[in-house]
Each structure stands twice: as C-alpha cells, then as structure tokens.
C-alpha cells in the first residue's frame, strides 16, 4: 500500500512538473495579436486601412534594442479579415538567432552582462501591400494599459542595466533575464520624460498599434 502511495505521489509530482514546464514555455509558442490603428497615445482609435492595403512585417535588429534592421530577412504573418494574426515564435526564432549579435554602443550608458551576450530585437513594421513604403509607426502594446512592449531574443541569461536617451526622453533599463530565448520588455512611464524598461509577462491582451508616422520615424 505504501509503495502504491509513493508511486502515486511521484506520478502527481511528475505531472505537476510537466504542467509547469508547459505553462512556462507556452507564452513563446504561438499567440494571437490584434492590429489596431491608433493615435500616438496608443488609446484613441483612428480609421483603419482595409486589410488588403497593408502588411504587417517583422524585421530583425541585431545587437540593439532600437535602430534599423540589420538583416534583409522579413517575416510576414497572414492577417485575417478580423485584423488578427498568429505570432508563431518558432518561425521568428530562426531569424532572430541569425540576426543576434553583441550589443552595439548606444546613446547613454547601457551595460549588458556578460558582454558576450548576443541580442536581437524583433522590429515591427506596417507596410503597403507591395512592401515599398511604411504606413505607420508600429509597436506591440499591452491592450489593457497601452504600454509599449518590445520583443527581444538573447542567446544566454544576462542583465541589461543603464540609461539611453531619445529626443527629450530618458529610458532607464533594469532587466534581469534568467534564461536564453525570447523576452518581453515593458516600457512604463514613471514621470514626465522618463520611462522605466523591465522584463514582463506576455499581456493577456496583446495588440499591435499602428500610429501615424512622425518626422522622427
């Protein structure tokens, strides 16, 4: 009887471990993303283009969390009539690994440790149907808070700490990333002109915001 109980306990523990592992990896299998045409506040709706007139495109930025694409590879998810698409991490993982490189110098004092860490950002773009012109400033957002999210790939556990600067704006990074693979970074405004950047779980409502292009885009 005791052996049977022990076997049952081990079976339950094994099942729990498997369930936990599945739960932890699930955010980076596939997820549904809704495309929304918004103003720059990422909250106010604006007129959406017909699905046939634009394409969502992912490009890859090696060695940086901002900037231009460093490879010519593009991933173009299929957009449904309901303005939703499936983000398949197995598809973008191969391209992200190829693009990943050691972090380049940016404005400010951004430090990545270990220094050998290779990183790539999954860049988000909205293009015309012929993929010739950008049609908006595009970013992942939390559909409940409207906070911007950035998806990065890293080849090892690392920390990303320090500050970078944009036009009249400061970004404060405090990210401890415990394992290689994909990580979501959340950009949260903490005061006027200052945004904190830290790792976050995938939001329950993941959206892709398409705002009007600005002169700086």
C-alpha atoms as a PDB file:
ATOM      1  CA  UNK A   1       0.000   0.000   0.000  1.00  0.00           C
ATOM      2  CA  UNK A   2       2.822   2.371   0.923  1.00  0.00           C
ATOM      3  CA  UNK A   3       4.562   1.638  -2.415  1.00  0.00           C
ATOM      4  CA  UNK A   4       1.360   2.427  -4.280  1.00  0.00           C
ATOM      5  CA  UNK A   5       1.015   5.752  -2.414  1.00  0.00           C
ATOM      6  CA  UNK A   6       4.640   6.668  -3.148  1.00  0.00           C
ATOM      7  CA  UNK A   7       4.149   5.829  -6.807  1.00  0.00           C
ATOM      8  CA  UNK A   8       1.028   7.990  -6.915  1.00  0.00           C
ATOM      9  CA  UNK A   9       2.868  10.911  -5.262  1.00  0.00           C
ATOM     10  CA  UNK A  10       5.703  10.607  -7.768  1.00  0.00           C
ATOM     11  CA  UNK A  11       3.211  10.469 -10.629  1.00  0.00           C
ATOM     12  CA  UNK A  12       1.425  13.606  -9.405  1.00  0.00           C
ATOM     13  CA  UNK A  13       4.759  15.409  -8.894  1.00  0.00           C
ATOM     14  CA  UNK A  14       5.879  14.434 -12.385  1.00  0.00           C
ATOM     15  CA  UNK A  15       2.609  15.686 -13.862  1.00  0.00           C
ATOM     16  CA  UNK A  16       2.934  18.975 -11.936  1.00  0.00           C
ATOM     17  CA  UNK A  17       6.486  19.488 -13.200  1.00  0.00           C
ATOM     18  CA  UNK A  18       5.379  18.805 -16.773  1.00  0.00           C
ATOM     19  CA  UNK A  19       2.435  21.175 -16.439  1.00  0.00           C
ATOM     20  CA  UNK A  20       4.691  23.892 -15.008  1.00  0.00           C
ATOM     21  CA  UNK A  21       7.217  23.481 -17.824  1.00  0.00           C
ATOM     22  CA  UNK A  22       4.404  23.664 -20.385  1.00  0.00           C
ATOM     23  CA  UNK A  23       2.969  26.768 -18.719  1.00  0.00           C
ATOM     24  CA  UNK A  24       6.367  28.499 -18.686  1.00  0.00           C
ATOM     25  CA  UNK A  25       7.078  27.772 -22.355  1.00  0.00           C
ATOM     26  CA  UNK A  26       3.532  28.425 -23.590  1.00  0.00           C
ATOM     27  CA  UNK A  27       3.941  32.240 -23.964  1.00  0.00           C
ATOM     28  CA  UNK A  28       6.611  31.610 -26.599  1.00  0.00           C
ATOM     29  CA  UNK A  29       4.832  29.097 -28.807  1.00  0.00           C
ATOM     30  CA  UNK A  30       2.041  30.976 -30.564  1.00  0.00           C
ATOM     31  CA  UNK A  31      -0.218  33.845 -29.592  1.00  0.00           C
ATOM     32  CA  UNK A  32      -2.954  35.863 -31.256  1.00  0.00           C
ATOM     33  CA  UNK A  33      -2.240  39.553 -31.941  1.00  0.00           C
ATOM     34  CA  UNK A  34      -4.846  42.166 -32.865  1.00  0.00           C
ATOM     35  CA  UNK A  35      -3.863  45.070 -35.124  1.00  0.00           C
ATOM     36  CA  UNK A  36      -5.306  48.441 -34.133  1.00  0.00           C
ATOM     37  CA  UNK A  37      -4.952  51.779 -35.889  1.00  0.00           C
ATOM     38  CA  UNK A  38      -4.460  54.283 -33.068  1.00  0.00           C
ATOM     39  CA  UNK A  39      -3.274  57.815 -32.436  1.00  0.00           C
ATOM     40  CA  UNK A  40       0.088  58.394 -30.735  1.00  0.00           C
ATOM     41  CA  UNK A  41      -1.419  57.889 -27.280  1.00  0.00           C
ATOM     42  CA  UNK A  42      -1.989  54.212 -28.233  1.00  0.00           C
ATOM     43  CA  UNK A  43      -5.562  54.539 -26.977  1.00  0.00           C
ATOM     44  CA  UNK A  44      -7.565  56.723 -29.368  1.00  0.00           C
ATOM     45  CA  UNK A  45      -8.949  54.849 -32.377  1.00  0.00           C
ATOM     46  CA  UNK A  46      -8.427  56.179 -35.897  1.00  0.00           C
ATOM     47  CA  UNK A  47      -9.668  54.984 -39.279  1.00  0.00           C
ATOM     48  CA  UNK A  48      -8.194  51.596 -40.142  1.00  0.00           C
ATOM     49  CA  UNK A  49      -6.899  50.772 -43.594  1.00  0.00           C
ATOM     50  CA  UNK A  50      -8.581  47.875 -45.402  1.00  0.00           C
ATOM     51  CA  UNK A  51      -6.761  44.593 -44.720  1.00  0.00           C
ATOM     52  CA  UNK A  52      -5.914  44.284 -48.437  1.00  0.00           C
ATOM     53  CA  UNK A  53      -3.952  47.564 -48.413  1.00  0.00           C
ATOM     54  CA  UNK A  54      -1.255  46.829 -45.824  1.00  0.00           C
ATOM     55  CA  UNK A  55       1.052  44.102 -44.497  1.00  0.00           C
ATOM     56  CA  UNK A  56       2.475  43.524 -41.031  1.00  0.00           C
ATOM     57  CA  UNK A  57       6.203  42.809 -41.283  1.00  0.00           C
ATOM     58  CA  UNK A  58       8.784  41.682 -38.739  1.00  0.00           C
ATOM     59  CA  UNK A  59      12.429  42.570 -39.364  1.00  0.00           C
ATOM     60  CA  UNK A  60      15.391  41.913 -37.098  1.00  0.00           C
ATOM     61  CA  UNK A  61      17.737  44.375 -35.398  1.00  0.00           C
ATOM     62  CA  UNK A  62      20.963  42.733 -34.272  1.00  0.00           C
ATOM     63  CA  UNK A  63      22.903  43.978 -31.246  1.00  0.00           C
ATOM     64  CA  UNK A  64      20.455  46.731 -30.343  1.00  0.00           C
ATOM     65  CA  UNK A  65      17.044  47.415 -28.811  1.00  0.00           C
ATOM     66  CA  UNK A  66      16.433  50.261 -31.247  1.00  0.00           C
ATOM     67  CA  UNK A  67      17.523  51.281 -34.709  1.00  0.00           C
ATOM     68  CA  UNK A  68      17.279  49.903 -38.212  1.00  0.00           C
ATOM     69  CA  UNK A  69      17.027  46.298 -39.333  1.00  0.00           C
ATOM     70  CA  UNK A  70      20.434  44.659 -39.724  1.00  0.00           C
ATOM     71  CA  UNK A  71      19.360  41.758 -41.934  1.00  0.00           C
ATOM     72  CA  UNK A  72      17.273  41.508 -45.093  1.00  0.00           C
ATOM     73  CA  UNK A  73      15.112  38.707 -43.704  1.00  0.00           C
ATOM     74  CA  UNK A  74      11.433  39.524 -43.260  1.00  0.00           C
ATOM     75  CA  UNK A  75       8.628  37.569 -41.640  1.00  0.00           C
ATOM     76  CA  UNK A  76       5.150  38.440 -42.922  1.00  0.00           C
ATOM     77  CA  UNK A  77       2.322  36.913 -40.849  1.00  0.00           C
ATOM     78  CA  UNK A  78      -1.011  36.279 -42.545  1.00  0.00           C
ATOM     79  CA  UNK A  79      -3.566  38.873 -41.469  1.00  0.00           C
ATOM     80  CA  UNK A  80      -7.205  37.820 -41.176  1.00  0.00           C
ATOM     81  CA  UNK A  81     -10.261  39.862 -42.104  1.00  0.00           C
ATOM     82  CA  UNK A  82     -10.732  40.456 -38.376  1.00  0.00           C
ATOM     83  CA  UNK A  83      -7.361  42.291 -38.229  1.00  0.00           C
ATOM     84  CA  UNK A  84      -5.788  39.485 -36.209  1.00  0.00           C
ATOM     85  CA  UNK A  85      -2.801  37.247 -36.893  1.00  0.00           C
ATOM     86  CA  UNK A  86      -0.953  34.411 -35.197  1.00  0.00           C
ATOM     87  CA  UNK A  87       2.501  35.260 -33.872  1.00  0.00           C
ATOM     88  CA  UNK A  88       4.430  31.992 -34.281  1.00  0.00           C
ATOM     89  CA  UNK A  89       7.633  32.096 -32.254  1.00  0.00           C
ATOM     90  CA  UNK A  90       9.059  29.033 -33.983  1.00  0.00           C
ATOM     91  CA  UNK A  91       9.022  30.991 -37.258  1.00  0.00           C
ATOM     92  CA  UNK A  92      10.710  34.131 -35.940  1.00  0.00           C
ATOM     93  CA  UNK A  93      13.174  32.260 -33.689  1.00  0.00           C
ATOM     94  CA  UNK A  94      15.367  31.080 -36.558  1.00  0.00           C
ATOM     95  CA  UNK A  95      15.699  34.592 -37.989  1.00  0.00           C
ATOM     96  CA  UNK A  96      16.263  36.149 -34.558  1.00  0.00           C
ATOM     97  CA  UNK A  97      19.101  33.724 -33.823  1.00  0.00           C
ATOM     98  CA  UNK A  98      20.777  34.554 -37.140  1.00  0.00           C
ATOM     99  CA  UNK A  99      20.458  38.299 -36.517  1.00  0.00           C
ATOM    100  CA  UNK A 100      21.609  38.243 -32.879  1.00  0.00           C
ATOM    101  CA  UNK A 101      24.974  39.902 -32.222  1.00  0.00           C
ATOM    102  CA  UNK A 102      26.849  41.517 -29.360  1.00  0.00           C
ATOM    103  CA  UNK A 103      25.298  44.758 -28.175  1.00  0.00           C
ATOM    104  CA  UNK A 104      26.443  47.864 -30.029  1.00  0.00           C
ATOM    105  CA  UNK A 105      27.175  51.266 -28.481  1.00  0.00           C
ATOM    106  CA  UNK A 106      24.065  53.358 -27.934  1.00  0.00           C
ATOM    107  CA  UNK A 107      23.477  56.825 -26.535  1.00  0.00           C
ATOM    108  CA  UNK A 108      23.739  56.693 -22.780  1.00  0.00           C
ATOM    109  CA  UNK A 109      25.282  54.071 -20.533  1.00  0.00           C
ATOM    110  CA  UNK A 110      23.558  50.796 -21.346  1.00  0.00           C
ATOM    111  CA  UNK A 111      25.510  47.819 -19.976  1.00  0.00           C
ATOM    112  CA  UNK A 112      24.844  44.199 -20.885  1.00  0.00           C
ATOM    113  CA  UNK A 113      26.496  41.432 -18.833  1.00  0.00           C
ATOM    114  CA  UNK A 114      28.003  39.077 -19.837  1.00  0.00           C
ATOM    115  CA  UNK A 115      29.486  41.293 -22.539  1.00  0.00           C
ATOM    116  CA  UNK A 116      29.455  38.345 -24.954  1.00  0.00           C
ATOM    117  CA  UNK A 117      25.648  38.257 -24.875  1.00  0.00           C
ATOM    118  CA  UNK A 118      24.103  38.273 -28.341  1.00  0.00           C
ATOM    119  CA  UNK A 119      20.810  40.078 -28.758  1.00  0.00           C
ATOM    120  CA  UNK A 120      18.269  40.825 -31.468  1.00  0.00           C
ATOM    121  CA  UNK A 121      15.096  42.863 -31.369  1.00  0.00           C
ATOM    122  CA  UNK A 122      12.066  41.801 -33.356  1.00  0.00           C
ATOM    123  CA  UNK A 123      11.287  45.011 -35.233  1.00  0.00           C
ATOM    124  CA  UNK A 124       7.638  45.748 -36.066  1.00  0.00           C
ATOM    125  CA  UNK A 125       6.576  47.471 -39.276  1.00  0.00           C
ATOM    126  CA  UNK A 126       3.403  48.203 -41.226  1.00  0.00           C
ATOM    127  CA  UNK A 127       3.989  48.381 -44.974  1.00  0.00           C
ATOM    128  CA  UNK A 128       1.868  48.891 -48.073  1.00  0.00           C
ATOM    129  CA  UNK A 129       0.719  45.795 -49.937  1.00  0.00           C
ATOM    130  CA  UNK A 130       3.803  45.900 -52.207  1.00  0.00           C
ATOM    131  CA  UNK A 131       6.198  46.248 -49.223  1.00  0.00           C
ATOM    132  CA  UNK A 132       7.609  49.507 -50.594  1.00  0.00           C
ATOM    133  CA  UNK A 133       6.511  52.160 -48.084  1.00  0.00           C
ATOM    134  CA  UNK A 134       5.911  52.326 -44.351  1.00  0.00           C
ATOM    135  CA  UNK A 135       2.360  53.244 -43.427  1.00  0.00           C
ATOM    136  CA  UNK A 136       2.695  53.864 -39.708  1.00  0.00           C
ATOM    137  CA  UNK A 137       4.754  53.796 -36.554  1.00  0.00           C
ATOM    138  CA  UNK A 138       4.212  50.242 -35.308  1.00  0.00           C
ATOM    139  CA  UNK A 139       4.694  48.688 -31.865  1.00  0.00           C
ATOM    140  CA  UNK A 140       3.439  45.884 -29.674  1.00  0.00           C
ATOM    141  CA  UNK A 141       1.312  47.201 -26.820  1.00  0.00           C
ATOM    142  CA  UNK A 142      -0.489  45.858 -23.783  1.00  0.00           C
ATOM    143  CA  UNK A 143      -4.127  46.185 -24.821  1.00  0.00           C
ATOM    144  CA  UNK A 144      -5.208  46.910 -21.247  1.00  0.00           C
ATOM    145  CA  UNK A 145      -2.618  49.508 -20.212  1.00  0.00           C
ATOM    146  CA  UNK A 146      -1.492  50.835 -23.639  1.00  0.00           C
ATOM    147  CA  UNK A 147       2.137  50.418 -22.523  1.00  0.00           C
ATOM    148  CA  UNK A 148       4.635  49.672 -25.269  1.00  0.00           C
ATOM    149  CA  UNK A 149       6.223  46.215 -25.357  1.00  0.00           C
ATOM    150  CA  UNK A 150       9.412  45.198 -27.155  1.00  0.00           C
ATOM    151  CA  UNK A 151      10.242  41.605 -28.022  1.00  0.00           C
ATOM    152  CA  UNK A 152      13.929  40.655 -27.850  1.00  0.00           C
ATOM    153  CA  UNK A 153      15.885  37.444 -28.302  1.00  0.00           C
ATOM    154  CA  UNK A 154      19.040  36.719 -26.259  1.00  0.00           C
ATOM    155  CA  UNK A 155      21.423  33.773 -26.507  1.00  0.00           C
ATOM    156  CA  UNK A 156      22.096  33.452 -22.753  1.00  0.00           C
ATOM    157  CA  UNK A 157      20.990  34.650 -19.336  1.00  0.00           C
ATOM    158  CA  UNK A 158      22.007  38.272 -18.857  1.00  0.00           C
ATOM    159  CA  UNK A 159      21.355  41.631 -17.255  1.00  0.00           C
ATOM    160  CA  UNK A 160      20.634  44.836 -19.143  1.00  0.00           C
ATOM    161  CA  UNK A 161      21.107  47.896 -16.947  1.00  0.00           C
ATOM    162  CA  UNK A 162      21.641  51.582 -17.618  1.00  0.00           C
ATOM    163  CA  UNK A 163      20.155  54.534 -19.428  1.00  0.00           C
ATOM    164  CA  UNK A 164      19.657  55.608 -23.008  1.00  0.00           C
ATOM    165  CA  UNK A 165      18.292  58.868 -24.317  1.00  0.00           C
ATOM    166  CA  UNK A 166      15.919  59.842 -27.082  1.00  0.00           C
ATOM    167  CA  UNK A 167      14.586  63.242 -28.052  1.00  0.00           C
ATOM    168  CA  UNK A 168      13.986  64.908 -24.680  1.00  0.00           C
ATOM    169  CA  UNK A 169      13.413  61.484 -23.120  1.00  0.00           C
ATOM    170  CA  UNK A 170      15.311  59.071 -20.902  1.00  0.00           C
ATOM    171  CA  UNK A 171      14.921  55.288 -20.775  1.00  0.00           C
ATOM    172  CA  UNK A 172      16.044  53.518 -17.593  1.00  0.00           C
ATOM    173  CA  UNK A 173      16.775  49.818 -18.065  1.00  0.00           C
ATOM    174  CA  UNK A 174      16.727  47.385 -15.163  1.00  0.00           C
ATOM    175  CA  UNK A 175      16.369  43.922 -16.659  1.00  0.00           C
ATOM    176  CA  UNK A 176      17.463  40.606 -15.180  1.00  0.00           C
ATOM    177  CA  UNK A 177      16.767  37.893 -17.753  1.00  0.00           C
ATOM    178  CA  UNK A 178      17.295  34.422 -16.259  1.00  0.00           C
ATOM    179  CA  UNK A 179      17.349  32.295 -19.402  1.00  0.00           C
ATOM    180  CA  UNK A 180      18.061  32.470 -23.148  1.00  0.00           C
ATOM    181  CA  UNK A 181      15.317  32.866 -25.714  1.00  0.00           C
ATOM    182  CA  UNK A 182      12.607  35.478 -26.124  1.00  0.00           C
ATOM    183  CA  UNK A 183      11.773  38.124 -23.516  1.00  0.00           C
ATOM    184  CA  UNK A 184       9.166  40.866 -23.467  1.00  0.00           C
ATOM    185  CA  UNK A 185      10.345  44.282 -22.252  1.00  0.00           C
ATOM    186  CA  UNK A 186       7.736  46.684 -20.916  1.00  0.00           C
ATOM    187  CA  UNK A 187       8.172  50.458 -21.323  1.00  0.00           C
ATOM    188  CA  UNK A 188       6.397  52.156 -18.413  1.00  0.00           C
ATOM    189  CA  UNK A 189       6.316  55.926 -17.948  1.00  0.00           C
ATOM    190  CA  UNK A 190       7.306  56.766 -14.376  1.00  0.00           C
ATOM    191  CA  UNK A 191       7.484  60.541 -14.685  1.00  0.00           C
ATOM    192  CA  UNK A 192       7.455  63.190 -17.356  1.00  0.00           C
ATOM    193  CA  UNK A 193      10.226  62.434 -19.833  1.00  0.00           C
ATOM    194  CA  UNK A 194      11.325  59.231 -18.054  1.00  0.00           C
ATOM    195  CA  UNK A 195      10.396  55.644 -18.929  1.00  0.00           C
ATOM    196  CA  UNK A 196      11.374  52.520 -16.994  1.00  0.00           C
ATOM    197  CA  UNK A 197      12.190  49.400 -19.018  1.00  0.00           C
ATOM    198  CA  UNK A 198      11.972  45.951 -17.418  1.00  0.00           C
ATOM    199  CA  UNK A 199      11.032  42.345 -18.293  1.00  0.00           C
ATOM    200  CA  UNK A 200       7.358  41.435 -18.191  1.00  0.00           C
ATOM    201  CA  UNK A 201       4.999  38.555 -18.806  1.00  0.00           C
ATOM    202  CA  UNK A 202       3.094  38.450 -22.059  1.00  0.00           C
ATOM    203  CA  UNK A 203      -0.069  40.514 -21.502  1.00  0.00           C
ATOM    204  CA  UNK A 204      -3.461  38.847 -21.637  1.00  0.00           C
ATOM    205  CA  UNK A 205      -4.389  41.236 -24.471  1.00  0.00           C
ATOM    206  CA  UNK A 206      -1.527  41.623 -26.949  1.00  0.00           C
ATOM    207  CA  UNK A 207      -2.012  44.186 -29.683  1.00  0.00           C
ATOM    208  CA  UNK A 208      -0.029  45.797 -32.475  1.00  0.00           C
ATOM    209  CA  UNK A 209      -0.527  49.555 -32.566  1.00  0.00           C
ATOM    210  CA  UNK A 210      -0.223  51.413 -35.877  1.00  0.00           C
ATOM    211  CA  UNK A 211       0.096  55.164 -35.264  1.00  0.00           C
ATOM    212  CA  UNK A 212       0.670  57.931 -37.832  1.00  0.00           C
ATOM    213  CA  UNK A 213       4.272  58.388 -38.912  1.00  0.00           C
ATOM    214  CA  UNK A 214       6.140  61.325 -37.391  1.00  0.00           C
ATOM    215  CA  UNK A 215       9.047  63.326 -38.743  1.00  0.00           C
ATOM    216  CA  UNK A 216      11.436  61.377 -36.476  1.00  0.00           C
ATOM    217  CA  UNK A 217      10.257  57.955 -37.743  1.00  0.00           C
END
